[in-house]
PDB file of N, CA and C in Angstrom:
ATOM      1  N   MET A   1       0.888  -1.306  -0.259  1.00  0.00           N
ATOM      2  CA  MET A   1       0.190   0.094   0.041  1.00  0.00           C
ATOM      3  C   MET A   1       0.862   1.415   0.192  1.00  0.00           C
ATOM      4  N   GLN A   2       2.089   0.961  -0.546  1.00  0.00           N
ATOM      5  CA  GLN A   2       3.119   2.643  -0.126  1.00  0.00           C
ATOM      6  C   GLN A   2       2.496   3.482  -1.962  1.00  0.00           C
ATOM      7  N   ASP A   3       1.710   2.786  -2.172  1.00  0.00           N
ATOM      8  CA  ASP A   3       0.760   3.688  -3.875  1.00  0.00           C
ATOM      9  C   ASP A   3      -0.291   4.756  -3.024  1.00  0.00           C
ATOM     10  N   ILE A   4      -0.415   4.250  -1.949  1.00  0.00           N
ATOM     11  CA  ILE A   4      -1.568   5.222  -1.378  1.00  0.00           C
ATOM     12  C   ILE A   4      -1.252   6.686  -0.360  1.00  0.00           C
ATOM     13  N   PHE A   5      -1.682   7.441  -0.660  1.00  0.00           N
ATOM     14  CA  PHE A   5      -1.691   8.521   0.110  1.00  0.00           C
ATOM     15  C   PHE A   5      -1.753   8.629   1.563  1.00  0.00           C
ATOM     16  N   ASP A   6      -0.990   9.112   2.477  1.00  0.00           N
ATOM     17  CA  ASP A   6      -1.571   9.355   3.762  1.00  0.00           C
ATOM     18  C   ASP A   6      -2.785  10.194   3.868  1.00  0.00           C
ATOM     19  N   THR A   7      -4.039   9.984   4.684  1.00  0.00           N
ATOM     20  CA  THR A   7      -5.264  10.699   5.018  1.00  0.00           C
ATOM     21  C   THR A   7      -4.563  12.097   5.395  1.00  0.00           C
ATOM     22  N   SER A   8      -5.161  13.224   5.005  1.00  0.00           N
ATOM     23  CA  SER A   8      -4.279  14.755   5.030  1.00  0.00           C
ATOM     24  C   SER A   8      -5.580  14.844   6.622  1.00  0.00           C
ATOM     25  N   ALA A   9      -4.822  16.054   7.045  1.00  0.00           N
ATOM     26  CA  ALA A   9      -5.180  16.295   8.765  1.00  0.00           C
ATOM     27  C   ALA A   9      -6.639  17.328   8.826  1.00  0.00           C
ATOM     28  N   GLU A  10      -6.753  17.509   7.364  1.00  0.00           N
ATOM     29  CA  GLU A  10      -7.664  18.486   7.322  1.00  0.00           C
ATOM     30  C   GLU A  10      -9.325  17.439   6.978  1.00  0.00           C
ATOM     31  N   LYS A  11      -8.778  16.187   6.374  1.00  0.00           N
ATOM     32  CA  LYS A  11     -10.091  15.238   6.141  1.00  0.00           C
ATOM     33  C   LYS A  11     -10.375  14.840   7.712  1.00  0.00           C
ATOM     34  N   ILE A  12      -9.330  14.436   7.960  1.00  0.00           N
ATOM     35  CA  ILE A  12      -9.355  13.521   9.686  1.00  0.00           C
ATOM     36  C   ILE A  12      -9.966  14.613  10.649  1.00  0.00           C
ATOM     37  N   LEU A  13      -9.743  15.777  10.654  1.00  0.00           N
ATOM     38  CA  LEU A  13     -10.736  17.045  11.213  1.00  0.00           C
ATOM     39  C   LEU A  13     -11.924  17.079  10.952  1.00  0.00           C
ATOM     40  N   ARG A  14     -12.254  16.833   9.368  1.00  0.00           N
ATOM     41  CA  ARG A  14     -13.922  17.221   8.653  1.00  0.00           C
ATOM     42  C   ARG A  14     -14.349  15.726   9.336  1.00  0.00           C
ATOM     43  N   ALA A  15     -13.790  14.956   9.341  1.00  0.00           N
ATOM     44  CA  ALA A  15     -14.247  13.429   9.887  1.00  0.00           C
ATOM     45  C   ALA A  15     -15.132  13.497  11.242  1.00  0.00           C
ATOM     46  N   CYS A  16     -14.081  14.262  12.340  1.00  0.00           N
ATOM     47  CA  CYS A  16     -14.083  14.205  13.352  1.00  0.00           C
ATOM     48  C   CYS A  16     -15.347  15.315  13.276  1.00  0.00           C
ATOM     49  N   GLU A  17     -15.716  16.494  12.688  1.00  0.00           N
ATOM     50  CA  GLU A  17     -16.806  17.305  12.906  1.00  0.00           C
ATOM     51  C   GLU A  17     -17.903  16.621  12.193  1.00  0.00           C
ATOM     52  N   ILE A  18     -17.745  15.877  11.541  1.00  0.00           N
ATOM     53  CA  ILE A  18     -18.628  14.968  10.871  1.00  0.00           C
ATOM     54  C   ILE A  18     -19.716  14.273  11.976  1.00  0.00           C
ATOM     55  N   GLY A  19     -18.480  13.405  12.610  1.00  0.00           N
ATOM     56  CA  GLY A  19     -19.504  12.635  13.779  1.00  0.00           C
ATOM     57  C   GLY A  19     -19.707  12.961  15.184  1.00  0.00           C
ATOM     58  N   LYS A  20     -18.872  14.160  15.238  1.00  0.00           N
ATOM     59  CA  LYS A  20     -20.329  14.890  16.502  1.00  0.00           C
ATOM     60  C   LYS A  20     -21.130  15.573  16.318  1.00  0.00           C
ATOM     61  N   LYS A  21     -21.301  16.222  15.169  1.00  0.00           N
ATOM     62  CA  LYS A  21     -22.799  16.599  14.503  1.00  0.00           C
ATOM     63  C   LYS A  21     -23.682  15.764  14.009  1.00  0.00           C
ATOM     64  N   ALA A  22     -23.139  14.169  14.206  1.00  0.00           N
ATOM     65  CA  ALA A  22     -24.560  13.192  13.610  1.00  0.00           C
ATOM     66  C   ALA A  22     -24.617  12.649  15.640  1.00  0.00           C
ATOM     67  N   GLY A  23     -23.753  13.219  16.641  1.00  0.00           N
ATOM     68  CA  GLY A  23     -24.515  12.948  17.714  1.00  0.00           C
ATOM     69  C   GLY A  23     -23.595  11.830  18.580  1.00  0.00           C
ATOM     70  N   LEU A  24     -21.758  12.317  17.475  1.00  0.00           N
ATOM     71  CA  LEU A  24     -20.942  10.919  18.475  1.00  0.00           C
ATOM     72  C   LEU A  24     -20.429  11.407  19.820  1.00  0.00           C
ATOM     73  N   LYS A  25     -20.073  10.911  20.575  1.00  0.00           N
ATOM     74  CA  LYS A  25     -19.774  11.612  22.160  1.00  0.00           C
ATOM     75  C   LYS A  25     -18.435  11.690  21.896  1.00  0.00           C
ATOM     76  N   TYR A  26     -17.693  10.274  21.739  1.00  0.00           N
ATOM     77  CA  TYR A  26     -16.207  10.328  21.813  1.00  0.00           C
ATOM     78  C   TYR A  26     -15.311  10.309  20.546  1.00  0.00           C
ATOM     79  N   VAL A  27     -15.211  11.152  19.923  1.00  0.00           N
ATOM     80  CA  VAL A  27     -14.672  11.334  18.327  1.00  0.00           C
ATOM     81  C   VAL A  27     -13.601  12.357  19.029  1.00  0.00           C
ATOM     82  N   TYR A  28     -12.548  11.897  18.600  1.00  0.00           N
ATOM     83  CA  TYR A  28     -10.904  12.439  18.585  1.00  0.00           C
ATOM     84  C   TYR A  28      -9.924  11.689  17.335  1.00  0.00           C
ATOM     85  N   ALA A  29      -9.233  12.963  16.918  1.00  0.00           N
ATOM     86  CA  ALA A  29      -8.467  13.067  15.647  1.00  0.00           C
ATOM     87  C   ALA A  29      -7.345  12.162  15.744  1.00  0.00           C
ATOM     88  N   GLY A  30      -7.523  11.041  15.433  1.00  0.00           N
ATOM     89  CA  GLY A  30      -5.995  10.177  15.568  1.00  0.00           C
ATOM     90  C   GLY A  30      -4.950  10.368  14.795  1.00  0.00           C
ATOM     91  N   ASN A  31      -3.850  10.511  14.825  1.00  0.00           N
ATOM     92  CA  ASN A  31      -2.421  10.334  14.058  1.00  0.00           C
ATOM     93  C   ASN A  31      -2.073  11.933  13.618  1.00  0.00           C
ATOM     94  N   ILE A  32      -2.274  13.039  14.490  1.00  0.00           N
ATOM     95  CA  ILE A  32      -2.654  14.151  14.041  1.00  0.00           C
ATOM     96  C   ILE A  32      -1.848  14.825  15.885  1.00  0.00           C
ATOM     97  N   SER A  33      -0.714  14.894  16.092  1.00  0.00           N
ATOM     98  CA  SER A  33      -0.316  15.327  17.312  1.00  0.00           C
ATOM     99  C   SER A  33       0.016  16.117  17.598  1.00  0.00           C
ATOM    100  N   GLY A  34      -0.475  16.739  18.861  1.00  0.00           N
ATOM    101  CA  GLY A  34      -0.188  18.323  19.303  1.00  0.00           C
ATOM    102  C   GLY A  34      -1.593  19.438  19.238  1.00  0.00           C
ATOM    103  N   ILE A  35      -2.443  18.855  19.086  1.00  0.00           N
ATOM    104  CA  ILE A  35      -3.894  19.221  18.938  1.00  0.00           C
ATOM    105  C   ILE A  35      -4.951  19.271  19.722  1.00  0.00           C
ATOM    106  N   ASP A  36      -5.583  20.188  20.281  1.00  0.00           N
ATOM    107  CA  ASP A  36      -7.233  19.619  21.021  1.00  0.00           C
ATOM    108  C   ASP A  36      -7.440  18.318  20.748  1.00  0.00           C
ATOM    109  N   GLU A  37      -7.933  18.421  19.200  1.00  0.00           N
ATOM    110  CA  GLU A  37      -8.783  17.101  18.818  1.00  0.00           C
ATOM    111  C   GLU A  37      -7.953  16.008  18.770  1.00  0.00           C
ATOM    112  N   GLU A  38      -7.081  15.737  19.403  1.00  0.00           N
ATOM    113  CA  GLU A  38      -6.690  13.966  19.429  1.00  0.00           C
ATOM    114  C   GLU A  38      -6.940  13.754  21.140  1.00  0.00           C
ATOM    115  N   ASN A  39      -7.670  14.333  21.977  1.00  0.00           N
ATOM    116  CA  ASN A  39      -8.216  14.255  23.339  1.00  0.00           C
ATOM    117  C   ASN A  39      -9.793  13.873  23.689  1.00  0.00           C
ATOM    118  N   SER A  40      -9.983  13.272  24.192  1.00  0.00           N
ATOM    119  CA  SER A  40     -11.484  13.252  24.316  1.00  0.00           C
ATOM    120  C   SER A  40     -12.022  13.781  26.219  1.00  0.00           C
ATOM    121  N   TYR A  41     -13.527  14.540  25.620  1.00  0.00           N
ATOM    122  CA  TYR A  41     -13.969  15.293  26.623  1.00  0.00           C
ATOM    123  C   TYR A  41     -14.991  14.951  27.227  1.00  0.00           C
ATOM    124  N   CYS A  42     -15.719  15.532  28.306  1.00  0.00           N
ATOM    125  CA  CYS A  42     -16.832  14.889  28.658  1.00  0.00           C
ATOM    126  C   CYS A  42     -17.984  15.718  28.073  1.00  0.00           C
ATOM    127  N   PRO A  43     -18.780  15.089  27.697  1.00  0.00           N
ATOM    128  CA  PRO A  43     -19.732  15.087  26.720  1.00  0.00           C
ATOM    129  C   PRO A  43     -20.752  16.330  27.466  1.00  0.00           C
ATOM    130  N   GLN A  44     -21.004  16.035  29.233  1.00  0.00           N
ATOM    131  CA  GLN A  44     -21.479  16.608  29.746  1.00  0.00           C
ATOM    132  C   GLN A  44     -21.264  18.204  29.795  1.00  0.00           C
ATOM    133  N   CYS A  45     -19.773  18.660  29.988  1.00  0.00           N
ATOM    134  CA  CYS A  45     -19.705  19.432  31.081  1.00  0.00           C
ATOM    135  C   CYS A  45     -18.240  20.204  29.896  1.00  0.00           C
ATOM    136  N   GLY A  46     -17.385  19.036  29.186  1.00  0.00           N
ATOM    137  CA  GLY A  46     -16.315  19.490  28.084  1.00  0.00           C
ATOM    138  C   GLY A  46     -15.141  19.614  29.044  1.00  0.00           C
ATOM    139  N   GLU A  47     -15.346  18.349  30.007  1.00  0.00           N
ATOM    140  CA  GLU A  47     -14.058  18.753  30.974  1.00  0.00           C
ATOM    141  C   GLU A  47     -12.713  17.463  30.086  1.00  0.00           C
ATOM    142  N   LEU A  48     -11.718  17.689  29.678  1.00  0.00           N
ATOM    143  CA  LEU A  48     -10.060  16.488  29.289  1.00  0.00           C
ATOM    144  C   LEU A  48     -10.438  15.662  30.288  1.00  0.00           C
ATOM    145  N   ASN A  49     -11.050  14.338  30.159  1.00  0.00           N
ATOM    146  CA  ASN A  49     -10.723  13.344  30.629  1.00  0.00           C
ATOM    147  C   ASN A  49      -9.491  12.016  30.020  1.00  0.00           C
ATOM    148  N   ILE A  50      -9.444  12.239  28.685  1.00  0.00           N
ATOM    149  CA  ILE A  50      -8.085  11.346  28.022  1.00  0.00           C
ATOM    150  C   ILE A  50      -7.458  12.463  27.264  1.00  0.00           C
ATOM    151  N   LYS A  51      -6.259  12.380  27.877  1.00  0.00           N
ATOM    152  CA  LYS A  51      -5.160  13.361  26.871  1.00  0.00           C
ATOM    153  C   LYS A  51      -4.231  11.959  26.430  1.00  0.00           C
ATOM    154  N   ARG A  52      -4.374  12.760  24.786  1.00  0.00           N
ATOM    155  CA  ARG A  52      -3.110  11.435  23.709  1.00  0.00           C
ATOM    156  C   ARG A  52      -2.129  12.785  23.222  1.00  0.00           C
ATOM    157  N   VAL A  53      -0.995  12.644  23.294  1.00  0.00           N
ATOM    158  CA  VAL A  53      -0.172  12.615  22.609  1.00  0.00           C
ATOM    159  C   VAL A  53       0.785  11.939  21.811  1.00  0.00           C
ATOM    160  N   GLY A  54       0.129  11.216  21.041  1.00  0.00           N
ATOM    161  CA  GLY A  54       1.160  10.596  19.695  1.00  0.00           C
ATOM    162  C   GLY A  54       0.739   9.258  20.340  1.00  0.00           C
ATOM    163  N   TYR A  55       1.330   8.130  21.123  1.00  0.00           N
ATOM    164  CA  TYR A  55       1.015   6.941  21.390  1.00  0.00           C
ATOM    165  C   TYR A  55       0.834   6.944  23.144  1.00  0.00           C
ATOM    166  N   ASP A  56       1.254   8.204  23.733  1.00  0.00           N
ATOM    167  CA  ASP A  56       1.441   8.600  25.232  1.00  0.00           C
ATOM    168  C   ASP A  56      -0.236   8.771  25.394  1.00  0.00           C
ATOM    169  N   ILE A  57      -0.850   7.879  26.366  1.00  0.00           N
ATOM    170  CA  ILE A  57      -2.300   8.278  26.682  1.00  0.00           C
ATOM    171  C   ILE A  57      -2.505   8.009  28.036  1.00  0.00           C
ATOM    172  N   GLN A  58      -3.232   9.531  28.676  1.00  0.00           N
ATOM    173  CA  GLN A  58      -3.460   9.844  30.276  1.00  0.00           C
ATOM    174  C   GLN A  58      -4.588   9.769  30.531  1.00  0.00           C
ATOM    175  N   ARG A  59      -5.289   9.467  31.216  1.00  0.00           N
ATOM    176  CA  ARG A  59      -6.615   8.413  31.664  1.00  0.00           C
ATOM    177  C   ARG A  59      -7.056   9.582  32.887  1.00  0.00           C
ATOM    178  N   LEU A  60      -7.551  10.882  32.823  1.00  0.00           N
ATOM    179  CA  LEU A  60      -8.063  11.817  33.562  1.00  0.00           C
ATOM    180  C   LEU A  60      -8.938  11.860  34.607  1.00  0.00           C
ATOM    181  N   TYR A  61      -9.829  10.751  33.900  1.00  0.00           N
ATOM    182  CA  TYR A  61     -11.230  10.450  34.435  1.00  0.00           C
ATOM    183  C   TYR A  61     -10.954   9.396  35.906  1.00  0.00           C
ATOM    184  N   LYS A  62     -11.930   9.292  36.782  1.00  0.00           N
ATOM    185  CA  LYS A  62     -12.271   8.679  38.054  1.00  0.00           C
ATOM    186  C   LYS A  62     -13.509   7.925  37.930  1.00  0.00           C
ATOM    187  N   LYS A  63     -12.432   6.226  38.073  1.00  0.00           N
ATOM    188  CA  LYS A  63     -13.501   5.190  38.318  1.00  0.00           C
ATOM    189  C   LYS A  63     -14.646   5.085  36.739  1.00  0.00           C
ATOM    190  N   GLY A  64     -14.495   5.478  35.371  1.00  0.00           N
ATOM    191  CA  GLY A  64     -15.350   5.290  34.783  1.00  0.00           C
ATOM    192  C   GLY A  64     -16.166   7.014  34.511  1.00  0.00           C
ATOM    193  N   LYS A  65     -15.936   7.387  35.384  1.00  0.00           N
ATOM    194  CA  LYS A  65     -16.700   9.299  35.292  1.00  0.00           C
ATOM    195  C   LYS A  65     -16.127  10.287  35.508  1.00  0.00           C
ATOM    196  N   CYS A  66     -16.507  11.437  34.966  1.00  0.00           N
ATOM    197  CA  CYS A  66     -15.621  12.705  34.389  1.00  0.00           C
ATOM    198  C   CYS A  66     -15.234  12.980  35.889  1.00  0.00           C
ATOM    199  N   ARG A  67     -14.154  13.160  35.845  1.00  0.00           N
ATOM    200  CA  ARG A  67     -13.597  13.783  37.088  1.00  0.00           C
ATOM    201  C   ARG A  67     -13.898  14.965  37.395  1.00  0.00           C
ATOM    202  N   LYS A  68     -14.847  15.830  36.696  1.00  0.00           N
ATOM    203  CA  LYS A  68     -15.492  17.511  36.962  1.00  0.00           C
ATOM    204  C   LYS A  68     -16.925  17.180  37.368  1.00  0.00           C
ATOM    205  N   CYS A  69     -17.225  16.537  36.675  1.00  0.00           N
ATOM    206  CA  CYS A  69     -19.232  16.517  36.929  1.00  0.00           C
ATOM    207  C   CYS A  69     -19.674  15.393  37.360  1.00  0.00           C
ATOM    208  N   GLY A  70     -18.896  14.637  37.254  1.00  0.00           N
ATOM    209  CA  GLY A  70     -19.161  12.483  37.241  1.00  0.00           C
ATOM    210  C   GLY A  70     -19.962  12.509  36.613  1.00  0.00           C
ATOM    211  N   GLU A  71     -20.408  12.910  35.467  1.00  0.00           N
ATOM    212  CA  GLU A  71     -20.812  12.370  34.197  1.00  0.00           C
ATOM    213  C   GLU A  71     -20.144  10.753  33.978  1.00  0.00           C
ATOM    214  N   ASP A  72     -21.347   9.674  33.911  1.00  0.00           N
ATOM    215  CA  ASP A  72     -20.741   8.224  33.720  1.00  0.00           C
ATOM    216  C   ASP A  72     -20.200   8.146  32.180  1.00  0.00           C
ATOM    217  N   LEU A  73     -18.659   8.056  31.741  1.00  0.00           N
ATOM    218  CA  LEU A  73     -18.206   7.880  30.683  1.00  0.00           C
ATOM    219  C   LEU A  73     -18.562   6.835  29.563  1.00  0.00           C
ATOM    220  N   ASN A  74     -19.206   5.671  30.378  1.00  0.00           N
ATOM    221  CA  ASN A  74     -19.315   4.657  28.928  1.00  0.00           C
ATOM    222  C   ASN A  74     -17.945   4.015  28.836  1.00  0.00           C
ATOM    223  N   LEU A  75     -16.909   3.834  29.809  1.00  0.00           N
ATOM    224  CA  LEU A  75     -15.770   2.923  29.693  1.00  0.00           C
ATOM    225  C   LEU A  75     -15.440   2.050  30.296  1.00  0.00           C
ATOM    226  N   VAL A  76     -14.872   0.999  29.517  1.00  0.00           N
ATOM    227  CA  VAL A  76     -13.968   0.095  30.495  1.00  0.00           C
ATOM    228  C   VAL A  76     -12.939   0.114  30.959  1.00  0.00           C
ATOM    229  N   THR A  77     -13.284   0.195  32.612  1.00  0.00           N
ATOM    230  CA  THR A  77     -12.020   0.547  33.351  1.00  0.00           C
ATOM    231  C   THR A  77     -11.369  -0.506  33.568  1.00  0.00           C
ATOM    232  N   LYS A  78      -9.883  -0.719  34.491  1.00  0.00           N
ATOM    233  CA  LYS A  78      -9.801  -1.461  34.736  1.00  0.00           C
ATOM    234  C   LYS A  78      -9.903  -1.565  36.465  1.00  0.00           C
TER     235      LYS A  78
END
């Protein structure tokens, strides 16, 4: 598949926008490092709950709930 071009950042961000407008709660832009759209936020209050930088993932939520408002994020936790 070396003859296929990488998906542009613009297309990835547009796909995220479409997903959010369609009502998806946990849309994020993968493969684009250093932008807010690569993180996951609470759909209720907008609090950052999963911070991604490349392959590094920080889980900031508490027991599957938003650390700010307590919204159940429907996450599988350890």
